[in-house]
């Protein structure tokens, strides 16, 4: 159970860091770039991948059954 909470918090931190970076990079649209250019730009930034990686870790920590659940069934 403690590992699930640990991975949940790690995933939450990655999601926040990546989401803030993606939102901050929205400022390039004020310089006249299109949304397509924005998506192309953030696909090259490693810190924006943290958002996706964090969502995956969060999902796994929530959905994946713990060993305690398997013992009780």
C-alpha atoms as a PDB file:
ATOM      1  CA  UNK A   1       0.000   0.000   0.000  1.00  0.00           C
ATOM      2  CA  UNK A   2       2.819   2.408   0.788  1.00  0.00           C
ATOM      3  CA  UNK A   3       4.352   1.821  -2.664  1.00  0.00           C
ATOM      4  CA  UNK A   4       1.065   2.699  -4.334  1.00  0.00           C
ATOM      5  CA  UNK A   5       0.889   5.957  -2.391  1.00  0.00           C
ATOM      6  CA  UNK A   6       4.532   6.690  -3.250  1.00  0.00           C
ATOM      7  CA  UNK A   7       3.962   6.107  -6.967  1.00  0.00           C
ATOM      8  CA  UNK A   8       0.732   8.096  -6.830  1.00  0.00           C
ATOM      9  CA  UNK A   9       2.586  11.085  -5.388  1.00  0.00           C
ATOM     10  CA  UNK A  10       5.428  10.737  -7.889  1.00  0.00           C
ATOM     11  CA  UNK A  11       2.914  10.583 -10.740  1.00  0.00           C
ATOM     12  CA  UNK A  12       1.060  13.577  -9.344  1.00  0.00           C
ATOM     13  CA  UNK A  13       4.281  15.583  -9.192  1.00  0.00           C
ATOM     14  CA  UNK A  14       5.228  14.679 -12.762  1.00  0.00           C
ATOM     15  CA  UNK A  15       1.750  15.575 -13.970  1.00  0.00           C
ATOM     16  CA  UNK A  16       1.866  18.976 -12.279  1.00  0.00           C
ATOM     17  CA  UNK A  17       5.361  19.749 -13.590  1.00  0.00           C
ATOM     18  CA  UNK A  18       4.469  18.734 -17.146  1.00  0.00           C
ATOM     19  CA  UNK A  19       1.108  20.490 -17.096  1.00  0.00           C
ATOM     20  CA  UNK A  20       2.592  23.756 -15.869  1.00  0.00           C
ATOM     21  CA  UNK A  21       5.224  23.580 -18.607  1.00  0.00           C
ATOM     22  CA  UNK A  22       2.600  22.961 -21.289  1.00  0.00           C
ATOM     23  CA  UNK A  23       0.536  25.879 -20.036  1.00  0.00           C
ATOM     24  CA  UNK A  24       3.583  28.146 -19.858  1.00  0.00           C
ATOM     25  CA  UNK A  25       4.484  27.306 -23.460  1.00  0.00           C
ATOM     26  CA  UNK A  26       1.059  28.552 -24.562  1.00  0.00           C
ATOM     27  CA  UNK A  27       2.701  31.978 -24.592  1.00  0.00           C
ATOM     28  CA  UNK A  28       4.266  31.188 -27.975  1.00  0.00           C
ATOM     29  CA  UNK A  29       0.793  31.536 -29.479  1.00  0.00           C
ATOM     30  CA  UNK A  30       0.806  35.231 -28.549  1.00  0.00           C
ATOM     31  CA  UNK A  31       3.744  35.739 -30.929  1.00  0.00           C
ATOM     32  CA  UNK A  32       1.608  34.721 -33.904  1.00  0.00           C
ATOM     33  CA  UNK A  33       2.147  30.967 -34.020  1.00  0.00           C
ATOM     34  CA  UNK A  34      -0.757  28.617 -34.656  1.00  0.00           C
ATOM     35  CA  UNK A  35      -2.009  25.830 -32.425  1.00  0.00           C
ATOM     36  CA  UNK A  36      -0.376  23.305 -34.768  1.00  0.00           C
ATOM     37  CA  UNK A  37       3.003  24.998 -34.250  1.00  0.00           C
ATOM     38  CA  UNK A  38       2.389  24.911 -30.496  1.00  0.00           C
ATOM     39  CA  UNK A  39       1.718  21.158 -30.572  1.00  0.00           C
ATOM     40  CA  UNK A  40       4.791  20.619 -32.734  1.00  0.00           C
ATOM     41  CA  UNK A  41       6.896  22.668 -30.321  1.00  0.00           C
ATOM     42  CA  UNK A  42       5.769  20.918 -27.125  1.00  0.00           C
ATOM     43  CA  UNK A  43       6.301  17.533 -28.749  1.00  0.00           C
ATOM     44  CA  UNK A  44      10.017  18.359 -28.810  1.00  0.00           C
ATOM     45  CA  UNK A  45      10.197  19.455 -25.149  1.00  0.00           C
ATOM     46  CA  UNK A  46      11.086  16.726 -22.646  1.00  0.00           C
ATOM     47  CA  UNK A  47       9.387  18.457 -19.723  1.00  0.00           C
ATOM     48  CA  UNK A  48       6.041  18.242 -21.522  1.00  0.00           C
ATOM     49  CA  UNK A  49       6.430  14.460 -21.692  1.00  0.00           C
ATOM     50  CA  UNK A  50       6.348  14.476 -17.895  1.00  0.00           C
ATOM     51  CA  UNK A  51       2.613  15.210 -18.108  1.00  0.00           C
ATOM     52  CA  UNK A  52       1.891  12.044 -20.080  1.00  0.00           C
ATOM     53  CA  UNK A  53       4.329   9.979 -18.006  1.00  0.00           C
ATOM     54  CA  UNK A  54       2.707  11.249 -14.794  1.00  0.00           C
ATOM     55  CA  UNK A  55      -0.790  10.348 -16.019  1.00  0.00           C
ATOM     56  CA  UNK A  56       0.413   6.813 -16.792  1.00  0.00           C
ATOM     57  CA  UNK A  57       1.976   6.413 -13.338  1.00  0.00           C
ATOM     58  CA  UNK A  58      -1.174   7.779 -11.674  1.00  0.00           C
ATOM     59  CA  UNK A  59      -3.364   5.394 -13.642  1.00  0.00           C
ATOM     60  CA  UNK A  60      -1.222   2.386 -12.840  1.00  0.00           C
ATOM     61  CA  UNK A  61      -1.062   3.219  -9.138  1.00  0.00           C
ATOM     62  CA  UNK A  62      -4.849   3.564  -8.959  1.00  0.00           C
ATOM     63  CA  UNK A  63      -5.973   0.707 -11.217  1.00  0.00           C
ATOM     64  CA  UNK A  64      -3.332  -1.973 -10.620  1.00  0.00           C
ATOM     65  CA  UNK A  65      -4.465  -4.212  -7.743  1.00  0.00           C
ATOM     66  CA  UNK A  66      -2.212  -4.437  -4.730  1.00  0.00           C
ATOM     67  CA  UNK A  67      -1.002  -7.730  -3.302  1.00  0.00           C
ATOM     68  CA  UNK A  68      -3.272  -7.188  -0.261  1.00  0.00           C
ATOM     69  CA  UNK A  69      -6.312  -7.142  -2.537  1.00  0.00           C
ATOM     70  CA  UNK A  70      -5.237 -10.397  -4.180  1.00  0.00           C
ATOM     71  CA  UNK A  71      -4.796 -12.115  -0.814  1.00  0.00           C
ATOM     72  CA  UNK A  72      -8.275 -11.154   0.360  1.00  0.00           C
ATOM     73  CA  UNK A  73     -10.068 -12.600  -2.689  1.00  0.00           C
END
